[in-house]
Amino acid sequence: MLRNGREAYWRRKTKAVVEARAKAGSMYDKRALESIKKGVRQWQETVLREWDVKAPRSARDFQTASAIPLKPLFTPVDVSDVDFAGQGFPGVFPYLRGVYPNMYRGRKWTMRMFSGFGTPEDTNRRLKLLLEHGETGLSIAFDMPTLYGYDCDHQRAHGEVGRCGVNVSSLKDMEVIFEGIPLEGVSTSMTINAPATILTCMYAGVAMRQGVPMEKLRGTVQADMLKEYIAQKEWVYPPEAHLRLVRDLMVFCTKKMPLWNYVSISGYHIREAGSSAVQELAFTLADGFGYVELGLEAGLKVEQFAPRLSFFFNSTMDFFEEIAKFRAARRIWATVLREKYGVKDKRSLLMRFHTQTSGASLTWQQPLNNIIRTTIEALAAVLGGTQSLHTNSYDEAWALPTEKAVEVALRTQQIIAEETGTPNVADPLGGSYYVEWLTEQMEEEAYKYFDRIDSAGGLLKAIKTGYLQKEIAENSYRLAKRVEDGRDSVVGVNKYEVDEKKPIDTLKIDFRAQRSQNRRLARVRKERDGAKVEAALAKIAKAFENEDANSIYPMLEAVSEYATLGEIIEVGRRAFGTWQEPVII
């Protein structure tokens, strides 16, 4: 997917998906299907038509959020060409019905609440609070200076330190974040991309100081640079340079951190940027295939690294479309890895993914309504078979969440897990005429996008020419117009509005965080061995000059000597330069 020349596979695959359904032996009796077709026609011509005449006309056209047109009723006729036998069973290829045989009967999904704000001390207290309330995995958000690779005292960091996540400028900050939290007993996810290699080295550095071997560390670093160029826009270097760093991380972790998921392929940000569910599905999996090819180009075998590729999806308000998306994603991933890349090892075929409820669906109007939105989105993720889940807090459209809002968000997951009975059955909506039909539609549309991406010159060229970005922008505009025109309703925004002066209290981050971080960084620079830092930075520069060198080893040395995030990033800026995306509007 990174390079052109593979169009034939996707074109054949798209055609094969359609032809397979046409040839599939139906589990339904043909005479029964004909009877159902006749009954549906009679129902439409009499009952439905008469009702439509009497009922007030809706201005809304009925379609999914991805603009897939919807009939008023789905029956066995709509799924008569579905190969139910070929769907397999939970824990069996192609894993459409779940990656584990007993799904949540064996173990509930990991409840991993997104945390991180202010100073490392603030975040340390929040992490401990969540662990006390029953969270089963840690997830760290970082502020904008950290995401872009600036130290807290850089002029571009002024006013942003700790605002949208925790600030990390050196290993000392990471040590404070995890003070009193034994790393051998937790799984940690870090949402960091451009500086992902450096933050991974810092996490490993904390582990070494705790006496925890790197090979025992469990968790995930996002490191998904392809989606940064597509959607989130937080890059530092040109695409080729960042992909080289991802390659170095893949090779290093494969050898030294075998339990660490070193790329979390993120559709979440693609969706938050305005994509449809179909685009999120297709572009995320295209990125995934891109990382598969990156690993192969690095000389690794797929079976060595594929089990450590994880996924990160969005769950938003079109309930059934989200469930269909998750089901289709598992089948596509397993099928393509087996057919196109020749993967035989079962662990390498499993698509394991984290889900976060949609931030874009949250409204600052009537914010308590967001609790209901988050509940619906979380339920869709569970019914879709997620392995890990973060539920957004009701106040996040206003600011970083308060402790009370985070507790409500966590309790939302716990109530779904403990009180609804939803986890008792694997793939409980399997067999729904609508869900099965929609799953097939999502899969077919994704394959069409794979073909278009290769026709555009491959994934990297599709990014550099702005093709993917333009697709998302156009869909975002379409959705905004539907809300503006009243064809789609958002309660409290364009329907059932009320006047509110100050509906909730919010978390405020003041300049205390900036002052505190600047003082700590000044102490680090004063107390470290400057000569050792310069020597370590020179080793990184030398590694960057040699395409075949692995830059993670000198990075580990540099962070251990307390070289700062900004200093290491600047070495890369000198080596690789910067990049500007194409204009698409």
Protein backbone atom coordinates (compact mmCIF):
# COMPACT_ATOMS: atom_id res chain seq x y z
CA MET A 1 0.00 0.00 0.00
CA LEU A 2 2.98 2.35 0.37
CA ARG A 3 3.97 1.95 -3.26
CA ASN A 4 2.15 1.68 -6.53
CA GLY A 5 2.02 -1.46 -8.68
CA ARG A 6 -0.40 -3.58 -6.67
CA GLU A 7 -3.65 -2.31 -8.13
CA ALA A 8 -4.45 -5.68 -9.66
CA TYR A 9 -4.87 -7.35 -6.27
CA TRP A 10 -7.39 -4.84 -4.95
CA ARG A 11 -9.34 -4.79 -8.19
CA ARG A 12 -9.51 -8.57 -8.24
CA LYS A 13 -10.41 -8.63 -4.54
CA THR A 14 -13.23 -6.10 -4.94
CA LYS A 15 -14.66 -8.16 -7.80
CA ALA A 16 -14.17 -11.40 -5.85
CA VAL A 17 -16.12 -10.10 -2.84
CA VAL A 18 -19.13 -9.30 -5.03
CA GLU A 19 -18.89 -12.55 -7.03
CA ALA A 20 -18.52 -14.66 -3.88
CA ARG A 21 -21.81 -13.33 -2.57
CA ALA A 22 -23.49 -14.02 -5.89
CA LYS A 23 -22.27 -17.65 -5.83
CA ALA A 24 -22.74 -18.27 -2.12
CA GLY A 25 -25.08 -21.08 -1.27
CA SER A 26 -27.95 -19.57 0.65
CA MET A 27 -28.92 -21.04 4.00
CA TYR A 28 -32.50 -20.07 3.15
CA ASP A 29 -34.94 -22.14 1.12
CA LYS A 30 -35.48 -20.59 -2.33
CA ARG A 31 -39.24 -20.97 -2.17
CA ALA A 32 -39.26 -19.34 1.25
CA LEU A 33 -37.24 -16.41 -0.11
CA GLU A 34 -39.66 -15.95 -2.98
CA SER A 35 -42.51 -15.97 -0.50
CA ILE A 36 -40.74 -13.30 1.58
CA LYS A 37 -40.11 -11.16 -1.53
CA LYS A 38 -43.78 -11.38 -2.41
CA GLY A 39 -44.80 -10.54 1.13
CA VAL A 40 -42.49 -7.51 1.20
CA ARG A 41 -43.93 -6.19 -2.08
CA GLN A 42 -47.48 -6.59 -0.78
CA TRP A 43 -46.54 -4.88 2.48
CA GLN A 44 -44.94 -1.97 0.61
CA GLU A 45 -47.87 -1.52 -1.78
CA THR A 46 -50.58 -1.68 0.86
CA VAL A 47 -49.63 -1.18 4.50
CA LEU A 48 -46.51 0.95 4.04
CA ARG A 49 -47.84 3.09 1.18
CA GLU A 50 -51.08 3.79 3.04
CA TRP A 51 -49.16 4.66 6.19
CA ASP A 52 -46.78 6.96 4.30
CA VAL A 53 -49.77 8.89 2.92
CA LYS A 54 -51.24 9.43 6.39
CA ALA A 55 -47.98 10.02 8.26
CA PRO A 56 -46.27 13.43 8.07
CA ARG A 57 -43.38 13.49 5.63
CA SER A 58 -39.92 13.61 7.13
CA ALA A 59 -37.43 16.03 5.64
CA ARG A 60 -34.74 13.52 6.45
CA ASP A 61 -33.46 11.13 3.82
CA PHE A 62 -32.73 7.78 5.41
CA GLN A 63 -29.12 6.74 5.13
CA THR A 64 -26.20 5.83 7.33
CA ALA A 65 -23.66 8.45 8.38
CA SER A 66 -21.56 7.19 5.44
CA ALA A 67 -24.43 7.98 3.03
CA ILE A 68 -25.32 4.33 2.44
CA PRO A 69 -29.05 4.42 1.50
CA LEU A 70 -31.36 2.47 3.80
CA LYS A 71 -34.58 0.67 3.06
CA PRO A 72 -37.33 0.78 5.70
CA LEU A 73 -37.07 -2.98 6.34
CA PHE A 74 -34.46 -5.73 6.01
CA THR A 75 -35.36 -9.41 5.69
CA PRO A 76 -33.62 -12.73 4.89
CA VAL A 77 -33.77 -11.70 1.22
CA ASP A 78 -31.16 -9.00 1.89
CA VAL A 79 -28.71 -11.50 3.36
CA SER A 80 -29.55 -14.49 1.19
CA ASP A 81 -26.19 -14.15 -0.57
CA VAL A 82 -24.17 -13.93 2.66
CA ASP A 83 -21.89 -16.91 3.18
CA PHE A 84 -22.71 -17.49 6.83
CA ALA A 85 -20.60 -20.65 6.94
CA GLY A 86 -17.63 -18.64 5.62
CA GLN A 87 -17.98 -16.12 8.44
CA GLY A 88 -16.60 -18.70 10.81
CA PHE A 89 -17.00 -18.61 14.58
CA PRO A 90 -15.51 -16.44 17.31
CA GLY A 91 -11.79 -17.15 17.52
CA VAL A 92 -11.80 -18.75 14.04
CA PHE A 93 -10.72 -17.24 10.70
CA PRO A 94 -11.77 -14.72 9.40
CA TYR A 95 -12.62 -13.52 12.95
CA LEU A 96 -15.63 -11.49 11.86
CA ARG A 97 -17.49 -12.73 14.93
CA GLY A 98 -14.65 -11.95 17.35
CA VAL A 99 -10.96 -12.60 17.90
CA TYR A 100 -11.41 -14.87 20.94
CA PRO A 101 -13.64 -17.96 21.20
CA ASN A 102 -15.40 -16.92 24.41
CA MET A 103 -14.90 -13.16 23.99
CA TYR A 104 -15.91 -11.31 27.18
CA ARG A 105 -16.85 -14.48 29.04
CA GLY A 106 -13.13 -15.10 29.39
CA ARG A 107 -12.09 -11.56 30.21
CA LYS A 108 -13.76 -8.18 29.95
CA TRP A 109 -12.30 -5.57 27.68
CA THR A 110 -9.57 -3.36 29.15
CA MET A 111 -11.04 -0.18 30.60
CA ARG A 112 -8.42 2.35 29.62
CA MET A 113 -9.39 5.94 30.39
CA PHE A 114 -7.46 8.64 28.52
CA SER A 115 -5.60 10.65 31.16
CA GLY A 116 -2.94 13.28 31.36
CA PHE A 117 -2.98 17.00 32.10
CA GLY A 118 -0.93 19.72 33.71
CA THR A 119 2.28 18.65 35.41
CA PRO A 120 3.57 15.08 35.78
CA GLU A 121 2.49 15.27 39.44
CA ASP A 122 -1.08 16.11 38.39
CA THR A 123 -1.18 13.18 35.99
CA ASN A 124 0.37 10.80 38.52
CA ARG A 125 -2.46 11.59 40.96
CA ARG A 126 -5.11 11.10 38.24
CA LEU A 127 -3.65 7.73 37.19
CA LYS A 128 -3.64 6.48 40.77
CA LEU A 129 -7.24 7.68 41.23
CA LEU A 130 -8.38 5.74 38.16
CA LEU A 131 -6.56 2.60 39.28
CA GLU A 132 -8.31 2.91 42.65
CA HIS A 133 -11.69 3.18 40.86
CA GLY A 134 -11.15 -0.03 38.89
CA GLU A 135 -9.40 1.04 35.69
CA THR A 136 -7.48 -1.88 34.21
CA GLY A 137 -5.06 -0.06 31.89
CA LEU A 138 -3.36 3.32 31.78
CA SER A 139 -3.60 5.74 28.85
CA ILE A 140 -1.54 8.92 28.68
CA ALA A 141 -2.38 12.10 26.76
CA PHE A 142 0.37 14.65 26.11
CA ASP A 143 0.19 18.40 25.61
CA MET A 144 0.82 20.16 22.30
CA PRO A 145 4.48 21.09 22.96
CA THR A 146 5.26 17.45 23.69
CA LEU A 147 3.31 16.24 20.64
CA TYR A 148 5.32 18.58 18.41
CA GLY A 149 8.66 17.90 20.10
CA TYR A 150 9.22 21.21 21.91
CA ASP A 151 10.58 21.50 25.43
CA CYS A 152 8.40 23.33 27.93
CA ASP A 153 10.60 26.44 27.90
CA HIS A 154 10.57 26.83 24.11
CA GLN A 155 8.87 30.02 22.89
CA ARG A 156 6.33 27.94 20.91
CA ALA A 157 5.33 26.12 24.11
CA HIS A 158 4.34 29.30 25.93
CA GLY A 159 0.74 29.13 27.15
CA GLU A 160 0.26 25.51 26.03
CA VAL A 161 2.12 23.55 28.71
CA GLY A 162 -0.19 21.01 30.34
CA ARG A 163 -3.30 22.35 28.57
CA CYS A 164 -4.44 19.34 26.55
CA GLY A 165 -2.36 16.66 28.22
CA VAL A 166 0.67 16.16 30.43
CA ASN A 167 3.95 17.86 29.59
CA VAL A 168 7.08 15.74 29.14
CA SER A 169 10.38 17.42 28.38
CA SER A 170 12.82 14.86 29.79
CA LEU A 171 13.08 11.45 31.41
CA LYS A 172 12.66 13.17 34.79
CA ASP A 173 9.05 14.04 33.89
CA MET A 174 8.29 10.44 32.92
CA GLU A 175 9.77 9.24 36.22
CA VAL A 176 7.36 11.51 38.12
CA ILE A 177 4.33 10.40 36.06
CA PHE A 178 4.91 6.75 37.04
CA GLU A 179 6.18 7.30 40.58
CA GLY A 180 4.59 4.65 42.81
CA ILE A 181 3.11 2.79 39.81
CA PRO A 182 5.02 -0.49 39.25
CA LEU A 183 5.34 -0.89 35.50
CA GLU A 184 5.51 -4.68 35.61
CA GLY A 185 1.90 -4.71 36.83
CA VAL A 186 0.23 -2.33 34.37
CA SER A 187 -0.37 -1.95 30.66
CA THR A 188 0.26 1.58 29.44
CA SER A 189 -0.90 3.27 26.25
CA MET A 190 0.75 6.50 25.13
CA THR A 191 -0.92 8.68 22.51
CA ILE A 192 2.20 10.14 20.96
CA ASN A 193 3.28 10.10 17.32
CA ALA A 194 6.06 12.32 15.98
CA PRO A 195 8.21 11.87 19.15
CA ALA A 196 6.99 8.28 19.70
CA THR A 197 10.45 6.75 19.56
CA ILE A 198 11.74 9.18 22.20
CA LEU A 199 8.78 8.65 24.56
CA THR A 200 9.13 4.87 24.20
CA CYS A 201 12.79 5.21 25.18
CA MET A 202 11.78 7.31 28.19
CA TYR A 203 9.21 4.69 29.27
CA ALA A 204 11.89 2.00 28.97
CA GLY A 205 14.21 4.26 30.96
CA VAL A 206 11.69 4.47 33.81
CA ALA A 207 11.36 0.68 33.75
CA MET A 208 15.12 0.23 34.01
CA ARG A 209 15.20 2.53 37.02
CA GLN A 210 12.39 0.45 38.59
CA GLY A 211 14.35 -2.72 37.87
CA VAL A 212 11.79 -3.96 35.32
CA PRO A 213 13.32 -5.63 32.23
CA MET A 214 12.22 -4.11 28.90
CA GLU A 215 11.01 -7.49 27.67
CA LYS A 216 8.32 -7.47 30.37
CA LEU A 217 6.83 -4.08 29.48
CA ARG A 218 3.24 -4.25 28.22
CA GLY A 219 1.36 -1.51 26.44
CA THR A 220 1.13 0.54 23.28
CA VAL A 221 2.66 3.61 21.74
CA GLN A 222 0.64 5.11 18.92
CA ALA A 223 3.48 6.03 16.53
CA ASP A 224 1.05 6.08 13.58
CA MET A 225 2.65 8.73 11.40
CA LEU A 226 0.64 7.91 8.28
CA LYS A 227 -2.57 9.08 9.92
CA GLU A 228 -0.81 12.24 11.10
CA TYR A 229 -0.40 13.35 7.49
CA ILE A 230 -3.91 12.18 6.63
CA ALA A 231 -5.78 13.71 9.55
CA GLN A 232 -4.17 14.92 12.77
CA LYS A 233 -1.40 17.09 11.29
CA GLU A 234 1.13 16.69 14.11
CA TRP A 235 4.31 15.81 12.24
CA VAL A 236 7.84 17.17 12.54
CA TYR A 237 9.75 15.71 9.58
CA PRO A 238 8.86 14.68 6.01
CA PRO A 239 6.89 11.41 5.69
CA GLU A 240 9.87 9.29 4.61
CA ALA A 241 11.87 10.33 7.67
CA HIS A 242 9.08 9.53 10.11
CA LEU A 243 8.50 6.16 8.45
CA ARG A 244 12.19 5.39 8.86
CA LEU A 245 11.87 6.08 12.61
CA VAL A 246 8.79 3.84 12.81
CA ARG A 247 10.81 1.14 11.06
CA ASP A 248 13.62 1.51 13.64
CA LEU A 249 11.06 1.20 16.45
CA MET A 250 9.49 -1.91 14.88
CA VAL A 251 12.86 -3.63 14.54
CA PHE A 252 14.03 -2.65 18.03
CA CYS A 253 10.84 -3.67 19.83
CA THR A 254 10.61 -6.95 17.91
CA LYS A 255 13.98 -7.85 19.43
CA LYS A 256 13.94 -6.10 22.81
CA MET A 257 10.31 -5.37 23.82
CA PRO A 258 8.30 -8.34 22.53
CA LEU A 259 5.14 -7.50 24.54
CA TRP A 260 5.03 -3.87 23.43
CA ASN A 261 2.61 -2.79 20.68
CA TYR A 262 4.81 -0.36 18.77
CA VAL A 263 2.26 0.98 16.30
CA SER A 264 -1.38 1.66 17.15
CA ILE A 265 -2.92 2.23 13.73
CA SER A 266 -5.42 4.96 14.38
CA GLY A 267 -8.69 5.48 12.61
CA TYR A 268 -9.88 7.58 15.53
CA HIS A 269 -8.24 10.78 14.35
CA ILE A 270 -9.24 10.12 10.75
CA ARG A 271 -12.84 10.02 11.93
CA GLU A 272 -12.50 13.06 14.17
CA ALA A 273 -11.16 14.98 11.15
CA GLY A 274 -14.50 14.44 9.42
CA SER A 275 -14.29 11.11 7.61
CA SER A 276 -17.18 8.71 7.21
CA ALA A 277 -17.18 5.28 8.86
CA VAL A 278 -16.34 3.75 5.46
CA GLN A 279 -13.39 6.12 5.04
CA GLU A 280 -12.21 5.45 8.58
CA LEU A 281 -12.34 1.72 7.92
CA ALA A 282 -10.59 1.91 4.54
CA PHE A 283 -7.92 4.50 5.34
CA THR A 284 -7.03 2.88 8.68
CA LEU A 285 -6.60 -0.56 7.14
CA ALA A 286 -4.66 0.96 4.23
CA ASP A 287 -2.28 2.43 6.82
CA GLY A 288 -2.08 -0.99 8.46
CA PHE A 289 -1.08 -2.66 5.22
CA GLY A 290 1.45 0.14 4.76
CA TYR A 291 3.11 -0.76 8.07
CA VAL A 292 3.11 -4.43 7.08
CA GLU A 293 5.09 -3.51 3.97
CA LEU A 294 7.37 -1.26 6.02
CA GLY A 295 8.21 -4.20 8.28
CA LEU A 296 8.84 -6.46 5.30
CA GLU A 297 11.15 -3.86 3.74
CA ALA A 298 13.07 -3.80 7.05
CA GLY A 299 13.75 -7.52 6.67
CA LEU A 300 11.29 -8.71 9.32
CA LYS A 301 8.90 -11.59 8.80
CA VAL A 302 5.23 -10.72 9.12
CA GLU A 303 4.80 -13.29 11.88
CA GLN A 304 7.48 -11.44 13.86
CA PHE A 305 5.77 -8.07 13.94
CA ALA A 306 2.08 -8.40 12.96
CA PRO A 307 0.98 -9.55 16.45
CA ARG A 308 2.31 -6.24 17.80
CA LEU A 309 0.35 -4.08 15.36
CA SER A 310 -2.78 -2.91 17.15
CA PHE A 311 -5.63 -0.70 15.97
CA PHE A 312 -7.50 2.27 17.42
CA PHE A 313 -11.01 3.02 16.17
CA ASN A 314 -13.65 5.65 16.79
CA SER A 315 -17.17 4.79 17.86
CA THR A 316 -19.72 7.45 17.10
CA MET A 317 -23.47 7.84 16.99
CA ASP A 318 -24.59 5.73 14.01
CA PHE A 319 -24.99 2.70 16.24
CA PHE A 320 -25.39 -0.12 13.71
CA GLU A 321 -22.90 1.27 11.22
CA GLU A 322 -20.23 1.31 13.91
CA ILE A 323 -20.89 -2.32 14.81
CA ALA A 324 -20.76 -3.32 11.13
CA LYS A 325 -17.49 -1.40 10.73
CA PHE A 326 -15.80 -3.32 13.53
CA ARG A 327 -16.99 -6.68 12.20
CA ALA A 328 -15.88 -5.90 8.64
CA ALA A 329 -12.48 -4.63 9.83
CA ARG A 330 -11.57 -7.95 11.44
CA ARG A 331 -12.50 -9.94 8.35
CA ILE A 332 -10.65 -7.66 5.92
CA TRP A 333 -7.46 -7.63 8.01
CA ALA A 334 -7.33 -11.40 8.46
CA THR A 335 -8.25 -12.11 4.84
CA VAL A 336 -5.71 -9.74 3.28
CA LEU A 337 -2.88 -10.82 5.57
CA ARG A 338 -3.52 -14.45 4.71
CA GLU A 339 -4.18 -14.02 0.98
CA LYS A 340 -1.88 -11.13 0.01
CA TYR A 341 0.97 -11.52 2.48
CA GLY A 342 0.87 -15.29 2.97
CA VAL A 343 0.47 -15.16 6.75
CA LYS A 344 -0.33 -18.52 8.35
CA ASP A 345 0.30 -17.85 12.04
CA LYS A 346 -3.05 -17.30 13.78
CA ARG A 347 -1.76 -14.63 16.16
CA SER A 348 -0.70 -12.52 13.18
CA LEU A 349 -4.18 -12.60 11.66
CA LEU A 350 -6.02 -11.28 14.72
CA MET A 351 -7.08 -7.66 14.59
CA ARG A 352 -7.06 -6.45 18.18
CA PHE A 353 -8.25 -2.90 18.67
CA HIS A 354 -8.88 -0.17 21.19
CA THR A 355 -11.95 2.01 20.82
CA GLN A 356 -12.65 5.53 22.01
CA THR A 357 -16.05 7.12 21.96
CA SER A 358 -16.32 10.12 19.67
CA GLY A 359 -15.04 13.48 20.81
CA ALA A 360 -16.57 15.12 17.74
CA SER A 361 -20.05 14.00 18.78
CA LEU A 362 -19.78 15.80 22.14
CA THR A 363 -21.51 19.16 22.36
CA TRP A 364 -20.82 22.09 24.62
CA GLN A 365 -24.57 22.78 24.57
CA GLN A 366 -26.42 20.75 27.23
CA PRO A 367 -23.23 18.83 28.12
CA LEU A 368 -24.99 16.27 30.34
CA ASN A 369 -26.51 14.89 27.13
CA ASN A 370 -23.01 13.71 26.32
CA ILE A 371 -23.33 10.98 28.96
CA ILE A 372 -26.07 9.38 26.83
CA ARG A 373 -24.05 9.80 23.64
CA THR A 374 -21.01 8.17 25.22
CA THR A 375 -23.09 5.29 26.56
CA ILE A 376 -24.52 4.52 23.11
CA GLU A 377 -21.11 4.70 21.48
CA ALA A 378 -19.52 2.52 24.16
CA LEU A 379 -22.25 -0.08 23.77
CA ALA A 380 -21.63 -0.18 20.00
CA ALA A 381 -17.92 -0.79 20.63
CA VAL A 382 -18.67 -3.67 22.99
CA LEU A 383 -21.22 -5.21 20.62
CA GLY A 384 -18.60 -4.81 17.88
CA GLY A 385 -16.03 -6.78 19.87
CA THR A 386 -13.44 -4.24 21.06
CA GLN A 387 -10.52 -5.37 23.25
CA SER A 388 -10.04 -2.05 25.01
CA LEU A 389 -12.27 0.98 25.54
CA HIS A 390 -12.05 4.60 26.56
CA THR A 391 -15.26 6.49 27.30
CA ASN A 392 -15.16 10.27 26.90
CA SER A 393 -16.25 12.50 29.74
CA TYR A 394 -19.34 14.69 29.38
CA ASP A 395 -17.37 17.92 29.88
CA GLU A 396 -14.68 17.34 27.23
CA ALA A 397 -16.30 19.67 24.70
CA TRP A 398 -15.49 22.42 27.20
CA ALA A 399 -12.11 21.43 28.63
CA LEU A 400 -10.03 18.59 29.97
CA PRO A 401 -12.28 16.40 32.14
CA THR A 402 -12.82 16.91 35.83
CA GLU A 403 -12.38 14.02 38.25
CA LYS A 404 -16.15 13.63 38.66
CA ALA A 405 -16.73 13.52 34.90
CA VAL A 406 -13.99 10.90 34.47
CA GLU A 407 -15.57 8.78 37.20
CA VAL A 408 -18.97 8.90 35.43
CA ALA A 409 -17.30 7.91 32.14
CA LEU A 410 -15.57 4.94 33.77
CA ARG A 411 -18.78 3.90 35.53
CA THR A 412 -20.49 3.90 32.11
CA GLN A 413 -18.19 1.11 31.00
CA GLN A 414 -18.55 -0.75 34.27
CA ILE A 415 -22.35 -0.68 34.09
CA ILE A 416 -22.27 -2.04 30.53
CA ALA A 417 -19.88 -4.76 31.68
CA GLU A 418 -21.61 -5.73 34.90
CA GLU A 419 -25.33 -4.98 34.53
CA THR A 420 -26.51 -5.24 30.92
CA GLY A 421 -25.74 -8.86 30.05
CA THR A 422 -24.14 -7.63 26.82
CA PRO A 423 -20.81 -9.43 27.41
CA ASN A 424 -22.49 -12.80 27.97
CA VAL A 425 -22.65 -13.76 24.27
CA ALA A 426 -20.05 -13.42 21.50
CA ASP A 427 -21.21 -11.26 18.57
CA PRO A 428 -24.76 -10.91 19.91
CA LEU A 429 -25.99 -9.01 16.82
CA GLY A 430 -24.66 -11.63 14.42
CA GLY A 431 -27.58 -12.80 12.27
CA SER A 432 -29.38 -9.47 12.33
CA TYR A 433 -30.54 -8.96 8.75
CA TYR A 434 -29.59 -5.29 8.89
CA VAL A 435 -26.22 -5.72 10.61
CA GLU A 436 -25.16 -8.56 8.32
CA TRP A 437 -26.19 -6.61 5.20
CA LEU A 438 -24.41 -3.49 6.43
CA THR A 439 -21.24 -5.46 7.27
CA GLU A 440 -21.11 -6.68 3.68
CA GLN A 441 -21.62 -3.13 2.36
CA MET A 442 -18.82 -1.75 4.54
CA GLU A 443 -16.40 -4.43 3.38
CA GLU A 444 -17.16 -3.91 -0.30
CA GLU A 445 -16.78 -0.11 -0.05
CA ALA A 446 -13.45 -0.50 1.78
CA TYR A 447 -12.02 -2.65 -1.00
CA LYS A 448 -13.09 -0.04 -3.54
CA TYR A 449 -11.13 2.58 -1.61
CA PHE A 450 -8.03 0.34 -1.49
CA ASP A 451 -8.16 0.17 -5.27
CA ARG A 452 -8.56 3.96 -5.57
CA ILE A 453 -5.56 4.52 -3.28
CA ASP A 454 -3.32 2.34 -5.42
CA SER A 455 -4.69 3.97 -8.57
CA ALA A 456 -3.65 7.31 -7.04
CA GLY A 457 -0.07 6.03 -6.90
CA GLY A 458 -0.02 4.15 -3.61
CA LEU A 459 -0.57 5.25 -0.04
CA LEU A 460 2.41 7.57 0.31
CA LYS A 461 1.69 9.36 -2.95
CA ALA A 462 -2.03 9.59 -2.07
CA ILE A 463 -0.97 11.39 1.11
CA LYS A 464 1.61 13.66 -0.52
CA THR A 465 -0.79 14.73 -3.28
CA GLY A 466 -3.60 15.32 -0.76
CA TYR A 467 -6.02 12.75 -2.19
CA LEU A 468 -6.96 11.23 1.18
CA GLN A 469 -7.13 14.60 2.90
CA LYS A 470 -9.47 15.90 0.20
CA GLU A 471 -11.77 12.90 0.57
CA ILE A 472 -12.09 13.58 4.31
CA ALA A 473 -12.59 17.33 3.84
CA GLU A 474 -15.40 16.78 1.35
CA ASN A 475 -17.16 14.34 3.66
CA SER A 476 -16.76 16.70 6.61
CA TYR A 477 -18.38 19.47 4.58
CA ARG A 478 -21.23 17.13 3.58
CA LEU A 479 -21.94 16.24 7.21
CA ALA A 480 -21.78 19.87 8.36
CA LYS A 481 -24.23 20.91 5.64
CA ARG A 482 -26.67 18.19 6.67
CA VAL A 483 -26.72 19.53 10.23
CA GLU A 484 -26.92 23.13 9.02
CA ASP A 485 -29.84 22.28 6.72
CA GLY A 486 -31.66 20.34 9.43
CA ARG A 487 -31.50 17.01 7.61
CA ASP A 488 -29.50 15.59 10.53
CA SER A 489 -30.45 16.45 14.11
CA VAL A 490 -28.08 17.13 16.99
CA VAL A 491 -30.06 17.46 20.19
CA GLY A 492 -29.31 20.76 21.89
CA VAL A 493 -27.55 22.18 18.83
CA ASN A 494 -30.12 22.42 16.02
CA LYS A 495 -33.04 20.87 17.88
CA TYR A 496 -34.44 21.24 21.43
CA GLU A 497 -32.12 24.16 22.18
CA VAL A 498 -32.20 25.91 25.55
CA ASP A 499 -30.47 28.99 26.94
CA GLU A 500 -27.59 28.13 29.29
CA LYS A 501 -25.31 30.55 31.07
CA LYS A 502 -22.79 28.18 32.70
CA PRO A 503 -24.05 24.60 32.63
CA ILE A 504 -21.04 22.93 34.31
CA ASP A 505 -17.82 23.60 36.17
CA THR A 506 -14.68 22.82 34.19
CA LEU A 507 -11.07 21.92 34.86
CA LYS A 508 -8.76 24.92 34.46
CA ILE A 509 -5.04 24.67 33.74
CA ASP A 510 -3.21 27.86 34.70
CA PHE A 511 0.40 28.97 34.27
CA ARG A 512 1.37 27.04 37.42
CA ALA A 513 2.10 24.04 35.20
CA GLN A 514 4.32 26.09 32.91
CA ARG A 515 6.31 27.58 35.78
CA SER A 516 6.70 24.21 37.51
CA GLN A 517 7.87 22.46 34.35
CA ASN A 518 10.32 25.22 33.47
CA ARG A 519 11.89 24.97 36.95
CA ARG A 520 12.23 21.19 36.72
CA LEU A 521 13.78 21.39 33.24
CA ALA A 522 16.27 23.99 34.44
CA ARG A 523 17.32 21.67 37.30
CA VAL A 524 17.71 18.75 34.88
CA ARG A 525 19.98 20.76 32.61
CA LYS A 526 22.04 21.97 35.57
CA GLU A 527 22.48 18.54 37.22
CA ARG A 528 23.10 16.32 34.17
CA ASP A 529 26.51 15.62 32.61
CA GLY A 530 26.55 17.96 29.62
CA ALA A 531 29.45 16.21 27.89
CA LYS A 532 27.67 12.85 28.00
CA VAL A 533 24.50 14.45 26.63
CA GLU A 534 26.39 16.00 23.69
CA ALA A 535 28.12 12.69 22.96
CA ALA A 536 24.79 10.83 22.97
CA LEU A 537 23.18 13.41 20.68
CA ALA A 538 26.11 13.08 18.28
CA LYS A 539 25.49 9.32 18.13
CA ILE A 540 21.85 9.94 17.19
CA ALA A 541 22.96 12.33 14.43
CA LYS A 542 25.36 9.71 13.09
CA ALA A 543 22.59 7.07 13.13
CA PHE A 544 20.25 9.42 11.23
CA GLU A 545 22.93 9.82 8.53
CA ASN A 546 23.10 6.05 8.00
CA GLU A 547 19.85 4.68 6.55
CA ASP A 548 20.74 1.17 7.71
CA ALA A 549 21.45 2.16 11.33
CA ASN A 550 18.86 1.77 14.08
CA SER A 551 18.42 5.10 15.88
CA ILE A 552 16.66 3.67 18.94
CA TYR A 553 19.86 2.51 20.64
CA PRO A 554 21.51 5.94 20.77
CA MET A 555 18.14 7.47 21.70
CA LEU A 556 17.96 5.20 24.75
CA GLU A 557 21.41 6.36 25.75
CA ALA A 558 20.49 10.02 25.23
CA VAL A 559 17.29 9.97 27.31
CA SER A 560 19.11 8.06 30.06
CA GLU A 561 21.60 10.94 30.21
CA TYR A 562 18.60 13.32 30.44
CA ALA A 563 18.87 14.79 26.96
CA THR A 564 15.60 16.62 26.46
CA LEU A 565 12.82 15.87 24.04
CA GLY A 566 13.45 19.10 22.16
CA GLU A 567 17.19 18.48 21.88
CA ILE A 568 16.68 15.05 20.33
CA ILE A 569 13.96 16.30 17.98
CA GLU A 570 16.22 19.14 16.85
CA VAL A 571 18.89 16.62 15.80
CA GLY A 572 16.28 15.14 13.48
CA ARG A 573 15.24 18.56 12.14
CA ARG A 574 18.83 19.20 11.10
CA ALA A 575 19.10 15.77 9.50
CA PHE A 576 15.71 15.47 7.79
CA GLY A 577 14.30 18.98 7.41
CA THR A 578 10.57 19.73 7.62
CA TRP A 579 7.53 19.20 5.40
CA GLN A 580 4.46 21.14 4.28
CA GLU A 581 1.32 19.41 3.05
CA PRO A 582 -0.31 20.26 -0.28
CA VAL A 583 -3.21 22.70 -0.53
CA ILE A 584 -6.40 20.69 -1.09
CA ILE A 585 -9.17 23.33 -1.08
